[in-house]
Protein backbone atom coordinates (compact mmCIF):
# COMPACT_ATOMS: atom_id res chain seq x y z
CA UNK A 1 -21.79 26.82 -8.67
CA UNK A 2 -22.90 27.68 -5.12
CA UNK A 3 -19.43 27.08 -3.76
CA UNK A 4 -17.81 28.89 -6.70
CA UNK A 5 -19.95 32.02 -6.15
CA UNK A 6 -19.10 31.96 -2.47
CA UNK A 7 -15.43 31.78 -3.35
CA UNK A 8 -15.75 34.96 -5.43
CA UNK A 9 -17.50 36.74 -2.57
CA UNK A 10 -14.87 35.55 -0.14
CA UNK A 11 -12.04 36.68 -2.39
CA UNK A 12 -13.59 40.17 -2.63
CA UNK A 13 -13.93 40.36 1.13
CA UNK A 14 -10.30 39.37 1.61
CA UNK A 15 -9.14 41.99 -0.85
CA UNK A 16 -11.11 44.74 0.94
CA UNK A 17 -9.35 44.13 4.27
CA UNK A 18 -5.91 43.17 2.99
CA UNK A 19 -4.25 46.47 3.94
CA UNK A 20 -5.56 46.21 7.49
CA UNK A 21 -4.21 42.71 8.03
CA UNK A 22 -0.52 43.03 7.39
CA UNK A 23 0.45 41.26 10.61
CA UNK A 24 -1.70 38.21 9.82
CA UNK A 25 -1.83 37.62 6.09
CA UNK A 26 -5.36 36.55 5.09
CA UNK A 27 -5.99 33.13 3.56
CA UNK A 28 -8.32 33.03 0.55
CA UNK A 29 -11.26 30.91 1.64
CA UNK A 30 -14.68 29.85 0.43
CA UNK A 31 -17.58 31.58 2.17
CA UNK A 32 -18.66 28.29 3.73
CA UNK A 33 -15.08 27.86 4.99
CA UNK A 34 -15.30 24.09 4.63
CA UNK A 35 -12.77 21.46 3.53
CA UNK A 36 -14.37 18.12 2.65
CA UNK A 37 -12.31 14.95 3.13
CA UNK A 38 -13.26 11.56 1.73
CA UNK A 39 -11.89 8.62 3.70
CA UNK A 40 -12.76 5.00 4.42
CA UNK A 41 -14.47 3.64 7.53
CA UNK A 42 -11.23 2.41 9.10
CA UNK A 43 -9.68 5.87 9.18
CA UNK A 44 -12.79 8.02 9.58
CA UNK A 45 -12.80 8.24 13.38
CA UNK A 46 -9.14 9.20 13.64
CA UNK A 47 -9.41 11.76 10.81
CA UNK A 48 -12.44 13.31 12.51
CA UNK A 49 -10.51 13.47 15.78
CA UNK A 50 -7.57 15.20 14.09
CA UNK A 51 -9.83 17.93 12.75
CA UNK A 52 -12.51 18.08 15.44
CA UNK A 53 -11.69 21.77 15.94
CA UNK A 54 -11.25 22.52 12.26
CA UNK A 55 -8.03 23.62 10.63
CA UNK A 56 -6.71 27.19 10.41
CA UNK A 57 -10.17 28.73 10.35
CA UNK A 58 -11.71 26.06 8.13
CA UNK A 59 -14.27 23.58 9.28
CA UNK A 60 -13.50 20.04 8.15
CA UNK A 61 -16.20 17.62 7.04
CA UNK A 62 -15.30 13.94 6.87
CA UNK A 63 -17.30 11.80 4.43
CA UNK A 64 -17.03 8.02 4.76
CA UNK A 65 -16.88 5.91 1.61
CA UNK A 66 -15.80 2.40 0.69
CA UNK A 67 -12.05 2.50 0.12
CA UNK A 68 -12.19 1.59 -3.59
CA UNK A 69 -15.12 3.95 -4.19
CA UNK A 70 -13.00 6.93 -3.17
CA UNK A 71 -11.00 6.59 -6.36
CA UNK A 72 -13.82 5.41 -8.58
CA UNK A 73 -16.35 8.06 -7.52
CA UNK A 74 -13.86 10.90 -7.91
CA UNK A 75 -14.19 10.65 -11.70
CA UNK A 76 -17.99 10.99 -11.73
CA UNK A 77 -18.87 13.18 -8.76
CA UNK A 78 -20.50 16.59 -9.32
CA UNK A 79 -18.56 19.72 -8.36
CA UNK A 80 -20.82 20.55 -5.42
CA UNK A 81 -20.57 17.05 -3.92
CA UNK A 82 -16.88 16.59 -4.64
CA UNK A 83 -14.16 16.31 -1.99
CA UNK A 84 -11.29 18.73 -1.57
CA UNK A 85 -9.03 16.07 -0.06
CA UNK A 86 -9.03 12.29 -0.33
CA UNK A 87 -7.29 9.63 1.74
CA UNK A 88 -6.10 6.82 -0.50
CA UNK A 89 -3.35 4.50 -1.68
CA UNK A 90 -0.14 5.57 -3.38
CA UNK A 91 -0.76 3.30 -6.36
CA UNK A 92 -3.78 5.42 -7.31
CA UNK A 93 -1.50 8.36 -8.06
CA UNK A 94 -0.58 7.51 -11.64
CA UNK A 95 -4.19 7.29 -12.79
CA UNK A 96 -5.46 10.28 -10.79
CA UNK A 97 -2.53 12.56 -11.65
CA UNK A 98 -2.71 11.62 -15.32
CA UNK A 99 -6.41 12.47 -15.57
CA UNK A 100 -6.05 15.66 -13.53
CA UNK A 101 -8.15 14.55 -10.55
CA UNK A 102 -5.43 15.36 -8.01
CA UNK A 103 -2.97 18.25 -7.98
CA UNK A 104 0.76 18.55 -7.46
CA UNK A 105 1.92 19.58 -3.98
CA UNK A 106 4.75 21.75 -2.73
CA UNK A 107 6.44 19.69 -0.02
CA UNK A 108 8.85 21.43 2.34
CA UNK A 109 12.45 20.28 2.67
CA UNK A 110 11.81 19.39 6.31
CA UNK A 111 8.83 17.21 5.42
CA UNK A 112 10.85 15.45 2.73
CA UNK A 113 13.69 14.75 5.16
CA UNK A 114 11.29 13.37 7.77
CA UNK A 115 9.36 11.09 5.40
CA UNK A 116 10.32 7.53 4.46
CA UNK A 117 11.93 7.84 1.02
CA UNK A 118 10.02 5.01 -0.63
CA UNK A 119 6.70 6.28 0.74
CA UNK A 120 7.25 9.72 -0.77
CA UNK A 121 8.46 8.10 -3.99
CA UNK A 122 5.18 6.23 -4.13
CA UNK A 123 3.29 9.52 -4.39
CA UNK A 124 5.62 10.87 -7.04
CA UNK A 125 4.42 10.97 -10.64
CA UNK A 126 6.59 12.46 -13.33
CA UNK A 127 8.36 15.46 -11.86
CA UNK A 128 5.86 16.10 -9.08
CA UNK A 129 4.62 14.75 -5.74
CA UNK A 130 0.85 14.36 -5.58
CA UNK A 131 0.21 13.30 -2.01
CA UNK A 132 1.58 13.24 1.52
CA UNK A 133 2.16 9.67 2.72
CA UNK A 134 0.98 9.09 6.26
CA UNK A 135 0.96 5.31 6.75
CA UNK A 136 3.02 2.43 5.36
CA UNK A 137 2.44 -1.32 5.28
CA UNK A 138 3.78 -4.58 3.91
CA UNK A 139 3.35 -8.31 4.34
CA UNK A 140 5.67 -10.51 6.38
CA UNK A 141 6.02 -14.18 7.22
CA UNK A 142 4.27 -15.14 10.45
CA UNK A 143 5.65 -18.30 12.09
CA UNK A 144 3.77 -20.46 14.58
CA UNK A 145 6.39 -20.70 17.32
CA UNK A 146 4.64 -23.70 18.89
CA UNK A 147 5.08 -25.73 15.72
CA UNK A 148 8.44 -24.26 14.64
CA UNK A 149 10.79 -24.04 17.63
CA UNK A 150 13.77 -22.52 15.80
CA UNK A 151 13.25 -19.91 13.09
CA UNK A 152 14.41 -21.27 9.69
CA UNK A 153 17.20 -19.26 8.11
CA UNK A 154 16.52 -20.40 4.53
CA UNK A 155 13.40 -21.09 2.53
CA UNK A 156 14.61 -24.65 1.96
CA UNK A 157 14.42 -25.12 5.73
CA UNK A 158 10.93 -23.59 5.74
CA UNK A 159 9.89 -26.09 3.09
CA UNK A 160 11.36 -29.12 4.87
CA UNK A 161 9.74 -28.30 8.21
CA UNK A 162 6.38 -27.34 6.71
CA UNK A 163 6.07 -30.50 4.63
CA UNK A 164 7.17 -32.67 7.55
CA UNK A 165 4.38 -31.21 9.69
CA UNK A 166 1.84 -31.84 6.96
CA UNK A 167 3.02 -35.44 6.56
CA UNK A 168 2.74 -35.96 10.31
CA UNK A 169 -0.85 -34.65 10.25
CA UNK A 170 0.00 -31.60 12.35
CA UNK A 171 -0.63 -29.12 9.52
CA UNK A 172 -3.30 -28.94 6.83
CA UNK A 173 -1.70 -26.03 4.95
CA UNK A 174 2.11 -26.20 4.93
CA UNK A 175 2.68 -22.65 3.72
CA UNK A 176 -0.34 -20.36 4.00
CA UNK A 177 0.10 -17.77 1.27
CA UNK A 178 -3.23 -16.54 -0.15
CA UNK A 179 -4.11 -16.98 -3.81
CA UNK A 180 -7.50 -18.37 -4.78
CA UNK A 181 -9.16 -18.58 -8.18
CA UNK A 182 -8.17 -15.06 -9.27
CA UNK A 183 -4.63 -15.18 -7.93
CA UNK A 184 -2.94 -12.77 -5.53
CA UNK A 185 0.23 -11.23 -6.94
CA UNK A 186 0.50 -8.95 -3.89
CA UNK A 187 0.83 -11.68 -1.25
CA UNK A 188 2.99 -13.79 -3.58
CA UNK A 189 5.45 -10.95 -4.21
CA UNK A 190 8.09 -11.99 -1.61
CA UNK A 191 8.38 -15.37 -3.35
CA UNK A 192 8.42 -13.69 -6.76
CA UNK A 193 11.15 -11.21 -5.79
CA UNK A 194 13.05 -13.93 -3.94
CA UNK A 195 13.41 -15.80 -7.24
CA UNK A 196 14.57 -12.68 -9.09
CA UNK A 197 11.23 -11.48 -10.44
CA UNK A 198 10.18 -7.85 -10.74
CA UNK A 199 7.30 -6.01 -12.39
CA UNK A 200 8.86 -2.92 -13.98
CA UNK A 201 12.44 -1.69 -14.09
CA UNK A 202 13.27 1.68 -12.54
CA UNK A 203 14.92 4.69 -14.08
CA UNK A 204 18.08 6.21 -12.53
CA UNK A 205 15.84 8.79 -10.83
CA UNK A 206 13.93 6.00 -9.10
CA UNK A 207 10.77 6.43 -11.17
CA UNK A 208 9.05 3.41 -12.70
CA UNK A 209 9.93 2.43 -16.27
CA UNK A 210 6.89 0.53 -17.64
CA UNK A 211 8.67 -0.06 -20.93
CA UNK A 212 10.81 -2.73 -19.24
CA UNK A 213 8.67 -5.59 -17.90
CA UNK A 214 10.38 -8.16 -15.66
CA UNK A 215 7.76 -10.87 -15.17
CA UNK A 216 9.92 -13.31 -17.12
CA UNK A 217 13.37 -11.75 -16.87
CA UNK A 218 16.48 -13.99 -17.28
CA UNK A 219 17.27 -14.27 -13.55
CA UNK A 220 13.73 -15.23 -12.64
CA UNK A 221 13.53 -17.63 -15.58
CA UNK A 222 16.61 -19.43 -14.31
CA UNK A 223 14.88 -20.08 -10.97
CA UNK A 224 11.41 -21.02 -12.18
CA UNK A 225 12.01 -24.75 -11.77
CA UNK A 226 11.82 -24.12 -8.02
CA UNK A 227 8.16 -23.14 -8.47
CA UNK A 228 7.48 -26.44 -10.19
CA UNK A 229 9.01 -28.15 -7.16
CA UNK A 230 6.74 -26.24 -4.76
CA UNK A 231 3.76 -27.32 -6.82
CA UNK A 232 4.85 -30.96 -6.96
CA UNK A 233 5.36 -31.25 -3.19
CA UNK A 234 2.22 -29.30 -2.37
CA UNK A 235 4.13 -26.66 -0.39
CA UNK A 236 2.22 -23.96 -2.25
CA UNK A 237 -1.22 -24.46 -3.73
CA UNK A 238 -3.31 -21.81 -5.44
CA UNK A 239 -6.52 -23.32 -4.04
CA UNK A 240 -5.55 -21.71 -0.73
CA UNK A 241 -7.39 -18.38 -0.68
CA UNK A 242 -7.21 -15.68 1.99
CA UNK A 243 -9.84 -17.25 4.21
CA UNK A 244 -8.31 -20.72 4.06
CA UNK A 245 -4.84 -19.36 4.79
CA UNK A 246 -5.99 -17.31 7.77
CA UNK A 247 -8.24 -19.98 9.25
CA UNK A 248 -5.52 -22.64 9.03
CA UNK A 249 -2.93 -20.46 10.76
CA UNK A 250 -5.27 -19.21 13.49
CA UNK A 251 -6.32 -22.82 14.18
CA UNK A 252 -2.68 -23.83 14.56
CA UNK A 253 -2.81 -25.93 11.40
CA UNK A 254 -0.34 -23.92 9.32
CA UNK A 255 3.24 -23.27 10.46
CA UNK A 256 3.72 -20.21 8.24
CA UNK A 257 1.39 -17.44 7.04
CA UNK A 258 1.97 -14.48 4.71
CA UNK A 259 -0.10 -11.49 5.83
CA UNK A 260 0.12 -7.85 6.89
CA UNK A 261 -0.64 -5.46 9.78
CA UNK A 262 -4.34 -5.37 8.86
CA UNK A 263 -4.42 -8.66 10.83
CA UNK A 264 -3.04 -7.01 13.96
CA UNK A 265 -6.06 -7.90 16.10
CA UNK A 266 -6.10 -11.50 14.85
CA UNK A 267 -2.42 -11.93 15.65
CA UNK A 268 -2.71 -10.50 19.15
CA UNK A 269 -5.65 -12.82 19.84
CA UNK A 270 -3.69 -15.97 18.95
CA UNK A 271 -3.47 -18.62 21.66
CA UNK A 272 0.09 -19.54 20.72
CA UNK A 273 3.32 -17.60 20.39
CA UNK A 274 4.38 -16.39 16.96
CA UNK A 275 7.24 -14.60 15.21
CA UNK A 276 7.11 -11.97 12.47
CA UNK A 277 10.01 -11.97 10.02
CA UNK A 278 10.86 -11.42 6.39
CA UNK A 279 10.72 -14.42 4.05
CA UNK A 280 14.21 -16.00 4.22
CA UNK A 281 16.49 -16.41 1.21
CA UNK A 282 15.23 -18.79 -1.47
CA UNK A 283 18.31 -18.68 -3.72
CA UNK A 284 21.79 -17.40 -3.00
CA UNK A 285 22.43 -13.74 -3.67
CA UNK A 286 18.78 -12.62 -3.78
CA UNK A 287 16.87 -11.19 -0.81
CA UNK A 288 13.09 -11.75 -0.90
CA UNK A 289 11.26 -8.47 -0.35
CA UNK A 290 7.57 -7.57 -0.19
CA UNK A 291 5.60 -4.97 -2.05
CA UNK A 292 5.44 -1.78 0.01
CA UNK A 293 2.23 0.17 0.23
CA UNK A 294 1.60 3.69 1.45
CA UNK A 295 -1.61 5.51 2.22
CA UNK A 296 -1.81 9.24 2.31
CA UNK A 297 -3.71 12.47 1.76
CA UNK A 298 -4.17 14.03 -1.69
CA UNK A 299 -5.64 17.35 -2.77
CA UNK A 300 -8.22 17.15 -5.55
CA UNK A 301 -8.81 19.55 -8.42
CA UNK A 302 -12.10 20.50 -6.77
CA UNK A 303 -10.37 22.33 -3.91
CA UNK A 304 -9.61 25.20 -6.31
CA UNK A 305 -13.18 25.18 -7.63
CA UNK A 306 -14.45 25.42 -4.06
CA UNK A 307 -12.03 28.20 -3.16
CA UNK A 308 -10.25 26.19 -0.48
CA UNK A 309 -7.07 25.14 -2.27
CA UNK A 310 -4.79 27.14 0.03
CA UNK A 311 -6.25 25.49 3.11
CA UNK A 312 -6.37 22.03 1.56
CA UNK A 313 -2.76 22.26 0.43
CA UNK A 314 -1.66 23.37 3.88
CA UNK A 315 -3.66 20.64 5.59
CA UNK A 316 -2.12 17.92 3.40
CA UNK A 317 1.42 19.10 2.70
CA UNK A 318 2.13 20.76 6.05
CA UNK A 319 -0.02 19.41 8.87
CA UNK A 320 -0.31 15.79 7.72
CA UNK A 321 3.47 15.69 7.25
CA UNK A 322 4.05 16.22 10.98
CA UNK A 323 4.96 13.51 13.44
CA UNK A 324 2.12 14.21 15.93
CA UNK A 325 -0.57 14.02 13.25
CA UNK A 326 0.80 10.83 11.74
CA UNK A 327 1.34 9.20 15.12
CA UNK A 328 -2.34 9.67 16.01
CA UNK A 329 -3.53 8.39 12.65
CA UNK A 330 -1.20 5.39 12.62
CA UNK A 331 -1.96 4.37 16.20
CA UNK A 332 -5.67 4.32 15.48
CA UNK A 333 -5.26 2.19 12.37
CA UNK A 334 -2.47 -0.21 13.29
CA UNK A 335 -0.01 1.03 10.68
CA UNK A 336 3.51 2.41 10.81
CA UNK A 337 3.73 6.18 10.24
CA UNK A 338 5.49 7.37 7.10
CA UNK A 339 7.03 10.17 9.15
CA UNK A 340 10.37 8.85 10.37
CA UNK A 341 10.19 10.65 13.72
CA UNK A 342 6.77 9.17 14.45
CA UNK A 343 7.83 5.75 13.16
CA UNK A 344 10.85 5.70 15.47
CA UNK A 345 8.55 6.29 18.43
CA UNK A 346 6.33 3.28 17.62
CA UNK A 347 6.38 0.97 20.62
CA UNK A 348 4.05 -1.79 19.43
CA UNK A 349 6.33 -4.82 18.89
CA UNK A 350 4.10 -6.28 16.17
CA UNK A 351 4.17 -3.08 14.10
CA UNK A 352 7.92 -2.79 14.62
CA UNK A 353 8.39 -6.35 13.40
CA UNK A 354 6.35 -5.69 10.25
CA UNK A 355 8.46 -2.59 9.65
CA UNK A 356 11.66 -4.62 9.90
CA UNK A 357 10.26 -7.22 7.50
CA UNK A 358 9.64 -4.48 4.93
CA UNK A 359 13.20 -3.16 4.80
CA UNK A 360 14.40 -3.06 1.19
CA UNK A 361 10.90 -3.66 -0.17
CA UNK A 362 9.55 -2.45 -3.50
CA UNK A 363 6.86 0.25 -3.64
CA UNK A 364 3.90 -0.99 -5.65
CA UNK A 365 4.22 0.75 -9.03
CA UNK A 366 1.83 3.72 -9.18
CA UNK A 367 1.76 4.02 -12.98
CA UNK A 368 -1.49 3.36 -14.88
CA UNK A 369 0.16 0.42 -16.68
CA UNK A 370 0.13 -1.52 -13.39
CA UNK A 371 -3.55 -2.27 -14.01
CA UNK A 372 -2.44 -4.69 -16.72
CA UNK A 373 -0.15 -6.60 -14.36
CA UNK A 374 -2.25 -7.83 -11.45
CA UNK A 375 -4.39 -10.43 -13.22
CA UNK A 376 -1.57 -11.62 -15.52
CA UNK A 377 0.97 -12.11 -12.71
CA UNK A 378 -1.58 -13.56 -10.32
CA UNK A 379 -2.81 -15.87 -13.04
CA UNK A 380 0.70 -17.17 -13.72
CA UNK A 381 1.03 -18.17 -10.07
CA UNK A 382 -2.40 -19.83 -10.09
CA UNK A 383 -1.66 -21.81 -13.24
CA UNK A 384 1.74 -22.99 -12.04
CA UNK A 385 0.75 -23.94 -8.46
CA UNK A 386 -2.70 -25.50 -8.79
CA UNK A 387 -1.52 -29.03 -8.16
CA UNK A 388 -2.52 -31.67 -10.71
CA UNK A 389 -2.72 -30.20 -14.19
CA UNK A 390 -0.52 -27.21 -13.37
CA UNK A 391 1.21 -25.41 -16.23
CA UNK A 392 5.02 -25.43 -15.98
CA UNK A 393 6.19 -22.14 -14.48
CA UNK A 394 8.38 -21.49 -17.53
CA UNK A 395 5.30 -21.41 -19.74
CA UNK A 396 2.98 -19.63 -17.27
CA UNK A 397 5.26 -16.66 -16.64
CA UNK A 398 6.33 -16.31 -20.27
CA UNK A 399 2.65 -15.97 -21.11
CA UNK A 400 2.16 -13.41 -18.33
CA UNK A 401 5.06 -11.35 -19.70
CA UNK A 402 3.64 -11.46 -23.23
CA UNK A 403 0.17 -10.50 -21.99
CA UNK A 404 1.42 -7.45 -20.09
CA UNK A 405 3.73 -6.25 -22.85
CA UNK A 406 0.89 -6.50 -25.37
CA UNK A 407 -1.57 -4.71 -23.07
CA UNK A 408 0.83 -1.85 -22.42
CA UNK A 409 1.57 -1.63 -26.14
C-alpha cells in the first residue's frame, strides 16, 4: 500500500508540471523512484554494476535469491516486498505468463533483429513476448585430446575408442554423460535427438504444440535398439551422476564429457588439452542437437502496482536488449550474449566453441506441460541404461510417452 500511495502522489505531481515539460516528456514514477530486481548470486555483481548509477532517474535495488526461489517466491511474495523485474530462465515463461506473474513486453524491431531468434522464441508465450533474453547456453561434447588424438566423426567411432580405453584400463568412465538416480533428460538430450527423439512438436509459427508428444515417435522407436547396445557394452550407465562424470573427466579418466559453459573455470584449469564439439552423428540423416537455454529479464505484475512499470519496461525491453549491456553481463557470467552483435564480438574460444556446438539446437519448451516431461524422460533413460536388470529401451520410452500423455490429459 505504501508504494501504491506514493505512486498516486507521484502521478499527481507529474500531471501538475506536464505543460512545463514539453521538451522532456515526464515518466510516471513511484515516489521512492526505485526498481527492484531479483537475481541469483552468479549474476548479482554484474547486474549491480550495470545499474550502479540507476536507470533514467530510477534507483535500482538488486536482491539476491537462490535461482529456483526467484520463480517459486514470486507466487507468494507480498506486494511491498515484491520485485519489479526478475532475472530467470526462458522455460519459466509458460507458467509465469499463464498465472499473470509477468507481463507482455513491447520489443522494438531493432531489438528483435539483433536477438538470436531461438532465444527470443523461448520468451514467447501465445502471441506475446514476456522477457528479453540476455544470455544463451547449451551443452557440448568435451574431448580429452590427450586420450583421443583425432576427433571422431561419428558416434560409432566415439563408442569404439571410448570402450577400448576402458578395456585398456586408461578410462573408468567411457562416456561421461550425467544421469544419476533421478535421471537427467537435459544432458541426455543430444543422444535423444540424435536418435530421432523430441519432446513436443512445433506449430508452423514455431510455438510449442504440447498435444503432440514425441518421446516414443516412430523414428526414435526405430533406433531404440542402439540404446540397448550402449547399455550392454557399458558405454552409457545411469549410475554416472554429475559428480562422477566431472571427476572422471577432470582426472583424465574419461575421454568424453557432456557439459556446458557453467564449467568454464573447470575446463580452463585442466592439465591436458581438450576440444569442444557437438555430438557427432549417431544414425544417418539425423543431426544430434542439444537443448538450448536462455536467461533473461522479465517485468513482473508488481511493477504496475509500484508505479514503476514504465521504467521497468524500458530497462528490460530497451536497455537490456543492447549489445553493450549484454556484453558486460555475459562476460561476467561466462555465457554467450543473446544479442547477435555482442555475440559476434565474443573472443573467448571456449564460449565460441560452445556456441558452435549449439547451432540448430532446440529451445527447452517453455509451456507448463514441460513439468510432466522431465522425470518421465529422465526415468526412461535411467531404466534403460542401468546395466544389469535394465528395461529394454522400447518398453522404457513407451512408458514415458504414456505417462506424459496421461499427465497432460
